[in-house]
Amino acid sequence: MQIPTWLKPGLMGAGAGAIALAIVGFSWGGWVTGGSAKDLASKAANAAVATALTPYCLDRAAAGDAETAMIEFKGAAAYSRKGIVEKAGWATPLGADKPNTDLAQACQLKLAETF
Protein backbone atom coordinates (compact mmCIF):
# COMPACT_ATOMS: atom_id res chain seq x y z
CA MET A 1 0.00 0.00 0.00
CA GLN A 2 1.29 3.40 -0.97
CA ILE A 3 1.17 6.16 1.71
CA PRO A 4 0.15 9.50 0.24
CA THR A 5 2.93 12.08 0.35
CA TRP A 6 0.73 14.60 2.16
CA LEU A 7 0.26 12.12 5.06
CA LYS A 8 3.96 11.45 5.72
CA PRO A 9 4.75 14.76 7.54
CA GLY A 10 1.74 14.26 9.81
CA LEU A 11 2.77 10.73 10.74
CA MET A 12 6.37 11.82 11.34
CA GLY A 13 5.15 14.67 13.55
CA ALA A 14 2.88 12.33 15.53
CA GLY A 15 5.74 9.87 16.05
CA ALA A 16 8.16 12.61 17.14
CA GLY A 17 5.50 14.06 19.45
CA ALA A 18 4.88 10.65 21.04
CA ILE A 19 8.60 10.17 21.67
CA ALA A 20 8.93 13.68 23.13
CA LEU A 21 5.85 13.12 25.32
CA ALA A 22 7.32 9.87 26.67
CA ILE A 23 10.67 11.49 27.44
CA VAL A 24 9.06 14.44 29.22
CA GLY A 25 6.58 12.20 31.06
CA PHE A 26 9.19 9.82 32.45
CA SER A 27 11.75 12.54 33.17
CA TRP A 28 9.66 15.31 34.68
CA GLY A 29 6.07 14.10 34.72
CA GLY A 30 6.44 11.53 37.46
CA TRP A 31 5.57 8.53 35.30
CA VAL A 32 7.03 5.23 36.47
CA THR A 33 7.13 1.71 35.12
CA GLY A 34 5.15 -1.12 36.65
CA GLY A 35 8.25 -2.56 38.33
CA SER A 36 9.16 0.77 39.91
CA ALA A 37 5.60 1.22 41.15
CA LYS A 38 5.67 -2.26 42.68
CA ASP A 39 8.97 -1.50 44.46
CA LEU A 40 7.62 1.79 45.82
CA ALA A 41 4.43 0.10 47.03
CA SER A 42 6.42 -2.65 48.74
CA LYS A 43 8.63 -0.12 50.54
CA ALA A 44 5.59 1.88 51.63
CA ALA A 45 3.88 -1.26 52.94
CA ASN A 46 6.97 -2.29 54.93
CA ALA A 47 7.24 1.19 56.42
CA ALA A 48 3.54 1.15 57.36
CA VAL A 49 3.90 -2.25 59.06
CA ALA A 50 6.93 -1.04 60.99
CA THR A 51 5.10 2.10 62.09
CA ALA A 52 2.01 0.16 63.14
CA LEU A 53 3.95 -2.48 65.10
CA THR A 54 6.45 -0.20 66.84
CA PRO A 55 4.25 0.14 69.98
CA TYR A 56 4.07 -3.68 70.13
CA CYS A 57 7.86 -3.85 70.04
CA LEU A 58 8.20 -1.19 72.72
CA ASP A 59 5.75 -3.07 74.96
CA ARG A 60 7.74 -6.27 74.56
CA ALA A 61 10.94 -4.37 75.40
CA ALA A 62 9.34 -2.95 78.55
CA ALA A 63 8.19 -6.36 79.76
CA GLY A 64 9.66 -7.64 83.03
CA ASP A 65 11.60 -10.50 81.44
CA ALA A 66 13.45 -8.18 79.05
CA GLU A 67 15.69 -6.51 81.63
CA THR A 68 18.92 -8.22 80.59
CA ALA A 69 18.35 -7.39 76.92
CA MET A 70 17.62 -3.76 77.83
CA ILE A 71 20.85 -3.55 79.82
CA GLU A 72 22.71 -4.92 76.80
CA PHE A 73 20.82 -2.49 74.53
CA LYS A 74 21.71 0.55 76.63
CA GLY A 75 25.41 -0.34 76.64
CA ALA A 76 25.62 -1.19 72.94
CA ALA A 77 26.83 1.02 70.12
CA ALA A 78 24.20 2.51 67.84
CA TYR A 79 25.06 0.25 64.90
CA SER A 80 24.55 -2.97 66.90
CA ARG A 81 21.26 -2.08 68.59
CA LYS A 82 19.12 -3.34 65.71
CA GLY A 83 20.69 -6.78 66.10
CA ILE A 84 19.97 -6.79 69.82
CA VAL A 85 16.31 -5.96 69.16
CA GLU A 86 16.10 -8.76 66.58
CA LYS A 87 17.90 -11.27 68.84
CA ALA A 88 15.63 -10.45 71.79
CA GLY A 89 12.58 -11.23 69.64
CA TRP A 90 10.98 -7.84 70.10
CA ALA A 91 10.76 -7.27 66.35
CA THR A 92 9.22 -10.65 65.54
CA PRO A 93 5.48 -10.18 64.90
CA LEU A 94 3.07 -12.80 66.20
CA GLY A 95 2.99 -15.79 63.88
CA ALA A 96 6.22 -14.86 62.10
CA ASP A 97 9.33 -17.02 62.08
CA LYS A 98 11.91 -14.30 61.70
CA PRO A 99 12.15 -10.67 62.83
CA ASN A 100 11.02 -7.82 60.61
CA THR A 101 14.13 -5.74 59.90
CA ASP A 102 12.18 -2.51 59.29
CA LEU A 103 10.37 -3.00 62.59
CA ALA A 104 13.67 -3.68 64.37
CA GLN A 105 15.12 -0.45 62.99
CA ALA A 106 12.07 1.61 64.00
CA CYS A 107 11.97 -0.01 67.42
CA GLN A 108 15.64 0.56 68.19
CA LEU A 109 15.31 4.22 67.23
CA LYS A 110 12.30 4.66 69.55
CA LEU A 111 14.04 2.77 72.35
CA ALA A 112 17.11 4.96 71.98
CA GLU A 113 14.90 8.06 72.28
CA THR A 114 12.97 6.69 75.25
CA PHE A 115 15.78 5.26 77.35
C-alpha atoms as a PDB file:
ATOM      1  CA  MET A   1       0.000   0.000   0.000  1.00  0.00           C
ATOM      2  CA  GLN A   2       1.292   3.404  -0.971  1.00  0.00           C
ATOM      3  CA  ILE A   3       1.171   6.155   1.710  1.00  0.00           C
ATOM      4  CA  PRO A   4       0.153   9.496   0.243  1.00  0.00           C
ATOM      5  CA  THR A   5       2.928  12.077   0.347  1.00  0.00           C
ATOM      6  CA  TRP A   6       0.734  14.596   2.158  1.00  0.00           C
ATOM      7  CA  LEU A   7       0.260  12.119   5.062  1.00  0.00           C
ATOM      8  CA  LYS A   8       3.965  11.455   5.718  1.00  0.00           C
ATOM      9  CA  PRO A   9       4.747  14.758   7.538  1.00  0.00           C
ATOM     10  CA  GLY A  10       1.738  14.258   9.806  1.00  0.00           C
ATOM     11  CA  LEU A  11       2.774  10.730  10.735  1.00  0.00           C
ATOM     12  CA  MET A  12       6.371  11.823  11.339  1.00  0.00           C
ATOM     13  CA  GLY A  13       5.154  14.673  13.553  1.00  0.00           C
ATOM     14  CA  ALA A  14       2.878  12.331  15.527  1.00  0.00           C
ATOM     15  CA  GLY A  15       5.742   9.870  16.051  1.00  0.00           C
ATOM     16  CA  ALA A  16       8.157  12.606  17.136  1.00  0.00           C
ATOM     17  CA  GLY A  17       5.499  14.057  19.453  1.00  0.00           C
ATOM     18  CA  ALA A  18       4.880  10.646  21.044  1.00  0.00           C
ATOM     19  CA  ILE A  19       8.600  10.175  21.667  1.00  0.00           C
ATOM     20  CA  ALA A  20       8.932  13.678  23.134  1.00  0.00           C
ATOM     21  CA  LEU A  21       5.855  13.119  25.319  1.00  0.00           C
ATOM     22  CA  ALA A  22       7.316   9.865  26.674  1.00  0.00           C
ATOM     23  CA  ILE A  23      10.671  11.490  27.445  1.00  0.00           C
ATOM     24  CA  VAL A  24       9.060  14.436  29.216  1.00  0.00           C
ATOM     25  CA  GLY A  25       6.585  12.204  31.058  1.00  0.00           C
ATOM     26  CA  PHE A  26       9.190   9.817  32.452  1.00  0.00           C
ATOM     27  CA  SER A  27      11.749  12.540  33.167  1.00  0.00           C
ATOM     28  CA  TRP A  28       9.657  15.311  34.685  1.00  0.00           C
ATOM     29  CA  GLY A  29       6.067  14.104  34.717  1.00  0.00           C
ATOM     30  CA  GLY A  30       6.444  11.528  37.457  1.00  0.00           C
ATOM     31  CA  TRP A  31       5.574   8.530  35.296  1.00  0.00           C
ATOM     32  CA  VAL A  32       7.026   5.227  36.471  1.00  0.00           C
ATOM     33  CA  THR A  33       7.125   1.712  35.116  1.00  0.00           C
ATOM     34  CA  GLY A  34       5.145  -1.115  36.654  1.00  0.00           C
ATOM     35  CA  GLY A  35       8.247  -2.557  38.326  1.00  0.00           C
ATOM     36  CA  SER A  36       9.156   0.773  39.915  1.00  0.00           C
ATOM     37  CA  ALA A  37       5.597   1.220  41.149  1.00  0.00           C
ATOM     38  CA  LYS A  38       5.673  -2.262  42.680  1.00  0.00           C
ATOM     39  CA  ASP A  39       8.966  -1.504  44.463  1.00  0.00           C
ATOM     40  CA  LEU A  40       7.618   1.790  45.820  1.00  0.00           C
ATOM     41  CA  ALA A  41       4.430   0.096  47.030  1.00  0.00           C
ATOM     42  CA  SER A  42       6.417  -2.650  48.742  1.00  0.00           C
ATOM     43  CA  LYS A  43       8.627  -0.123  50.538  1.00  0.00           C
ATOM     44  CA  ALA A  44       5.592   1.877  51.630  1.00  0.00           C
ATOM     45  CA  ALA A  45       3.881  -1.264  52.941  1.00  0.00           C
ATOM     46  CA  ASN A  46       6.970  -2.290  54.926  1.00  0.00           C
ATOM     47  CA  ALA A  47       7.236   1.189  56.416  1.00  0.00           C
ATOM     48  CA  ALA A  48       3.544   1.148  57.364  1.00  0.00           C
ATOM     49  CA  VAL A  49       3.900  -2.245  59.057  1.00  0.00           C
ATOM     50  CA  ALA A  50       6.927  -1.040  60.993  1.00  0.00           C
ATOM     51  CA  THR A  51       5.096   2.096  62.094  1.00  0.00           C
ATOM     52  CA  ALA A  52       2.009   0.156  63.144  1.00  0.00           C
ATOM     53  CA  LEU A  53       3.950  -2.476  65.097  1.00  0.00           C
ATOM     54  CA  THR A  54       6.448  -0.197  66.843  1.00  0.00           C
ATOM     55  CA  PRO A  55       4.253   0.142  69.978  1.00  0.00           C
ATOM     56  CA  TYR A  56       4.068  -3.678  70.135  1.00  0.00           C
ATOM     57  CA  CYS A  57       7.859  -3.851  70.036  1.00  0.00           C
ATOM     58  CA  LEU A  58       8.196  -1.189  72.722  1.00  0.00           C
ATOM     59  CA  ASP A  59       5.746  -3.072  74.964  1.00  0.00           C
ATOM     60  CA  ARG A  60       7.744  -6.266  74.564  1.00  0.00           C
ATOM     61  CA  ALA A  61      10.942  -4.374  75.398  1.00  0.00           C
ATOM     62  CA  ALA A  62       9.344  -2.951  78.548  1.00  0.00           C
ATOM     63  CA  ALA A  63       8.193  -6.365  79.762  1.00  0.00           C
ATOM     64  CA  GLY A  64       9.656  -7.642  83.027  1.00  0.00           C
ATOM     65  CA  ASP A  65      11.598 -10.495  81.436  1.00  0.00           C
ATOM     66  CA  ALA A  66      13.452  -8.178  79.050  1.00  0.00           C
ATOM     67  CA  GLU A  67      15.685  -6.512  81.629  1.00  0.00           C
ATOM     68  CA  THR A  68      18.924  -8.222  80.590  1.00  0.00           C
ATOM     69  CA  ALA A  69      18.352  -7.394  76.921  1.00  0.00           C
ATOM     70  CA  MET A  70      17.617  -3.761  77.831  1.00  0.00           C
ATOM     71  CA  ILE A  71      20.854  -3.554  79.816  1.00  0.00           C
ATOM     72  CA  GLU A  72      22.713  -4.923  76.798  1.00  0.00           C
ATOM     73  CA  PHE A  73      20.819  -2.486  74.535  1.00  0.00           C
ATOM     74  CA  LYS A  74      21.713   0.549  76.632  1.00  0.00           C
ATOM     75  CA  GLY A  75      25.412  -0.338  76.636  1.00  0.00           C
ATOM     76  CA  ALA A  76      25.620  -1.190  72.942  1.00  0.00           C
ATOM     77  CA  ALA A  77      26.832   1.021  70.123  1.00  0.00           C
ATOM     78  CA  ALA A  78      24.196   2.511  67.836  1.00  0.00           C
ATOM     79  CA  TYR A  79      25.062   0.250  64.897  1.00  0.00           C
ATOM     80  CA  SER A  80      24.545  -2.967  66.903  1.00  0.00           C
ATOM     81  CA  ARG A  81      21.263  -2.084  68.594  1.00  0.00           C
ATOM     82  CA  LYS A  82      19.122  -3.343  65.709  1.00  0.00           C
ATOM     83  CA  GLY A  83      20.693  -6.775  66.098  1.00  0.00           C
ATOM     84  CA  ILE A  84      19.965  -6.788  69.820  1.00  0.00           C
ATOM     85  CA  VAL A  85      16.312  -5.965  69.161  1.00  0.00           C
ATOM     86  CA  GLU A  86      16.097  -8.764  66.582  1.00  0.00           C
ATOM     87  CA  LYS A  87      17.903 -11.268  68.840  1.00  0.00           C
ATOM     88  CA  ALA A  88      15.634 -10.450  71.788  1.00  0.00           C
ATOM     89  CA  GLY A  89      12.584 -11.233  69.636  1.00  0.00           C
ATOM     90  CA  TRP A  90      10.978  -7.845  70.102  1.00  0.00           C
ATOM     91  CA  ALA A  91      10.756  -7.270  66.348  1.00  0.00           C
ATOM     92  CA  THR A  92       9.216 -10.646  65.537  1.00  0.00           C
ATOM     93  CA  PRO A  93       5.482 -10.176  64.905  1.00  0.00           C
ATOM     94  CA  LEU A  94       3.065 -12.801  66.199  1.00  0.00           C
ATOM     95  CA  GLY A  95       2.993 -15.790  63.878  1.00  0.00           C
ATOM     96  CA  ALA A  96       6.220 -14.857  62.100  1.00  0.00           C
ATOM     97  CA  ASP A  97       9.330 -17.021  62.077  1.00  0.00           C
ATOM     98  CA  LYS A  98      11.913 -14.297  61.701  1.00  0.00           C
ATOM     99  CA  PRO A  99      12.153 -10.671  62.830  1.00  0.00           C
ATOM    100  CA  ASN A 100      11.023  -7.819  60.612  1.00  0.00           C
ATOM    101  CA  THR A 101      14.128  -5.736  59.901  1.00  0.00           C
ATOM    102  CA  ASP A 102      12.176  -2.514  59.292  1.00  0.00           C
ATOM    103  CA  LEU A 103      10.366  -3.000  62.590  1.00  0.00           C
ATOM    104  CA  ALA A 104      13.666  -3.679  64.370  1.00  0.00           C
ATOM    105  CA  GLN A 105      15.123  -0.448  62.991  1.00  0.00           C
ATOM    106  CA  ALA A 106      12.075   1.611  63.999  1.00  0.00           C
ATOM    107  CA  CYS A 107      11.970  -0.013  67.422  1.00  0.00           C
ATOM    108  CA  GLN A 108      15.640   0.561  68.189  1.00  0.00           C
ATOM    109  CA  LEU A 109      15.307   4.224  67.230  1.00  0.00           C
ATOM    110  CA  LYS A 110      12.300   4.661  69.545  1.00  0.00           C
ATOM    111  CA  LEU A 111      14.036   2.768  72.349  1.00  0.00           C
ATOM    112  CA  ALA A 112      17.114   4.961  71.977  1.00  0.00           C
ATOM    113  CA  GLU A 113      14.897   8.063  72.277  1.00  0.00           C
ATOM    114  CA  THR A 114      12.971   6.694  75.251  1.00  0.00           C
ATOM    115  CA  PHE A 115      15.778   5.258  77.352  1.00  0.00           C
END
